[in-house]
């Protein structure tokens, strides 16, 4: 593999790492699940049913927003948050790549064991 190709892969991994880190929190995963419905939610709506304060929810939303998973739109005096699937496409692509590598490794192991 060429140095340029390795460098490109490393760069992609570095770009995806913050998305994985943002999704590494149970509260943020829950927020993403709610936002995946396709409609915008206010902080009040996202706080409803949660033990967290509006400030805590806002802090989690800002982390998700910083990596591009959600974005906010002003609506009067409040912000509404929407899910942006684009960063998740990169994550899916990476997980598909890793999955293919595991499939190949397991196939090689199976062939070795069956010899």
Protein backbone atom coordinates (compact mmCIF):
# COMPACT_ATOMS: atom_id res chain seq x y z
CA UNK A 1 0.00 0.00 0.00
CA UNK A 2 1.36 3.40 -0.94
CA UNK A 3 2.24 6.06 1.61
CA UNK A 4 -0.34 8.42 0.09
CA UNK A 5 -3.14 5.84 0.43
CA UNK A 6 -2.15 5.09 4.04
CA UNK A 7 -2.10 8.78 4.80
CA UNK A 8 -5.57 9.23 3.27
CA UNK A 9 -6.96 6.37 5.39
CA UNK A 10 -5.38 7.79 8.53
CA UNK A 11 -6.88 11.17 7.73
CA UNK A 12 -10.34 9.63 7.31
CA UNK A 13 -9.98 7.79 10.64
CA UNK A 14 -8.99 11.02 12.36
CA UNK A 15 -12.04 12.75 10.89
CA UNK A 16 -14.37 9.98 12.10
CA UNK A 17 -12.94 9.68 15.60
CA UNK A 18 -14.80 12.74 16.98
CA UNK A 19 -18.10 11.34 15.65
CA UNK A 20 -17.47 8.02 17.43
CA UNK A 21 -16.52 9.94 20.59
CA UNK A 22 -19.71 12.03 20.43
CA UNK A 23 -21.79 8.88 20.03
CA UNK A 24 -19.96 7.22 22.92
CA UNK A 25 -22.38 8.68 25.46
CA UNK A 26 -25.73 7.06 26.30
CA UNK A 27 -27.54 10.39 26.56
CA UNK A 28 -26.28 11.56 23.19
CA UNK A 29 -27.26 8.23 21.60
CA UNK A 30 -30.73 8.69 23.02
CA UNK A 31 -30.92 12.21 21.61
CA UNK A 32 -29.81 11.00 18.17
CA UNK A 33 -32.48 8.26 18.29
CA UNK A 34 -35.17 10.87 18.99
CA UNK A 35 -33.87 13.22 16.32
CA UNK A 36 -33.81 10.44 13.70
CA UNK A 37 -37.59 10.72 13.45
CA UNK A 38 -37.02 13.38 10.82
CA UNK A 39 -38.65 16.30 12.54
CA UNK A 40 -36.99 19.14 14.45
CA UNK A 41 -37.19 19.18 18.25
CA UNK A 42 -36.84 22.03 20.69
CA UNK A 43 -34.72 21.60 23.80
CA UNK A 44 -37.94 21.53 25.85
CA UNK A 45 -39.26 18.65 23.77
CA UNK A 46 -35.98 16.76 24.06
CA UNK A 47 -35.88 17.31 27.82
CA UNK A 48 -39.40 15.97 28.35
CA UNK A 49 -39.30 12.55 29.99
CA UNK A 50 -35.65 12.92 30.92
CA UNK A 51 -34.10 13.38 34.34
CA UNK A 52 -31.64 15.83 32.82
CA UNK A 53 -31.93 19.59 32.91
CA UNK A 54 -32.32 21.78 29.84
CA UNK A 55 -28.73 22.93 30.36
CA UNK A 56 -27.45 19.33 30.35
CA UNK A 57 -29.42 18.48 27.20
CA UNK A 58 -28.11 21.66 25.56
CA UNK A 59 -24.53 20.67 26.43
CA UNK A 60 -25.01 17.23 24.82
CA UNK A 61 -26.63 18.80 21.74
CA UNK A 62 -23.67 21.16 21.33
CA UNK A 63 -21.29 18.17 21.33
CA UNK A 64 -23.40 16.49 18.63
CA UNK A 65 -23.57 19.76 16.72
CA UNK A 66 -19.79 20.22 16.87
CA UNK A 67 -19.29 16.98 14.89
CA UNK A 68 -22.15 17.70 12.48
CA UNK A 69 -24.60 15.01 13.61
CA UNK A 70 -27.22 17.61 14.47
CA UNK A 71 -27.75 21.21 13.52
CA UNK A 72 -29.92 23.88 15.04
CA UNK A 73 -32.36 26.25 13.39
CA UNK A 74 -33.71 29.31 15.17
CA UNK A 75 -37.49 29.39 15.42
CA UNK A 76 -38.56 32.51 17.25
CA UNK A 77 -36.96 32.52 20.68
CA UNK A 78 -35.93 28.88 20.66
CA UNK A 79 -33.64 26.63 18.71
CA UNK A 80 -34.90 23.48 17.05
CA UNK A 81 -32.47 20.65 16.51
CA UNK A 82 -32.47 18.34 13.50
CA UNK A 83 -30.53 15.19 12.69
CA UNK A 84 -28.00 15.34 9.84
CA UNK A 85 -27.29 11.84 8.46
CA UNK A 86 -24.17 12.84 6.48
CA UNK A 87 -21.57 12.20 9.23
CA UNK A 88 -23.21 8.84 9.90
CA UNK A 89 -22.59 7.81 6.28
CA UNK A 90 -18.86 8.05 6.92
CA UNK A 91 -19.27 5.96 10.06
CA UNK A 92 -21.29 3.35 8.18
CA UNK A 93 -18.65 3.24 5.45
CA UNK A 94 -15.93 2.68 8.04
CA UNK A 95 -17.89 -0.03 9.86
CA UNK A 96 -18.59 -1.79 6.55
CA UNK A 97 -14.84 -1.72 5.82
CA UNK A 98 -13.98 -3.16 9.25
CA UNK A 99 -16.73 -5.77 8.90
CA UNK A 100 -15.32 -6.89 5.54
CA UNK A 101 -11.87 -7.23 7.10
CA UNK A 102 -13.29 -9.41 9.87
CA UNK A 103 -15.17 -11.53 7.34
CA UNK A 104 -11.92 -12.09 5.41
CA UNK A 105 -10.01 -12.94 8.59
CA UNK A 106 -12.69 -15.42 9.67
CA UNK A 107 -12.69 -17.01 6.21
CA UNK A 108 -8.91 -17.43 6.40
CA UNK A 109 -9.21 -18.95 9.88
CA UNK A 110 -11.94 -21.32 8.71
CA UNK A 111 -9.81 -22.41 5.73
CA UNK A 112 -6.82 -22.96 8.03
CA UNK A 113 -8.81 -25.01 10.53
CA UNK A 114 -10.46 -27.14 7.86
CA UNK A 115 -7.14 -28.10 6.24
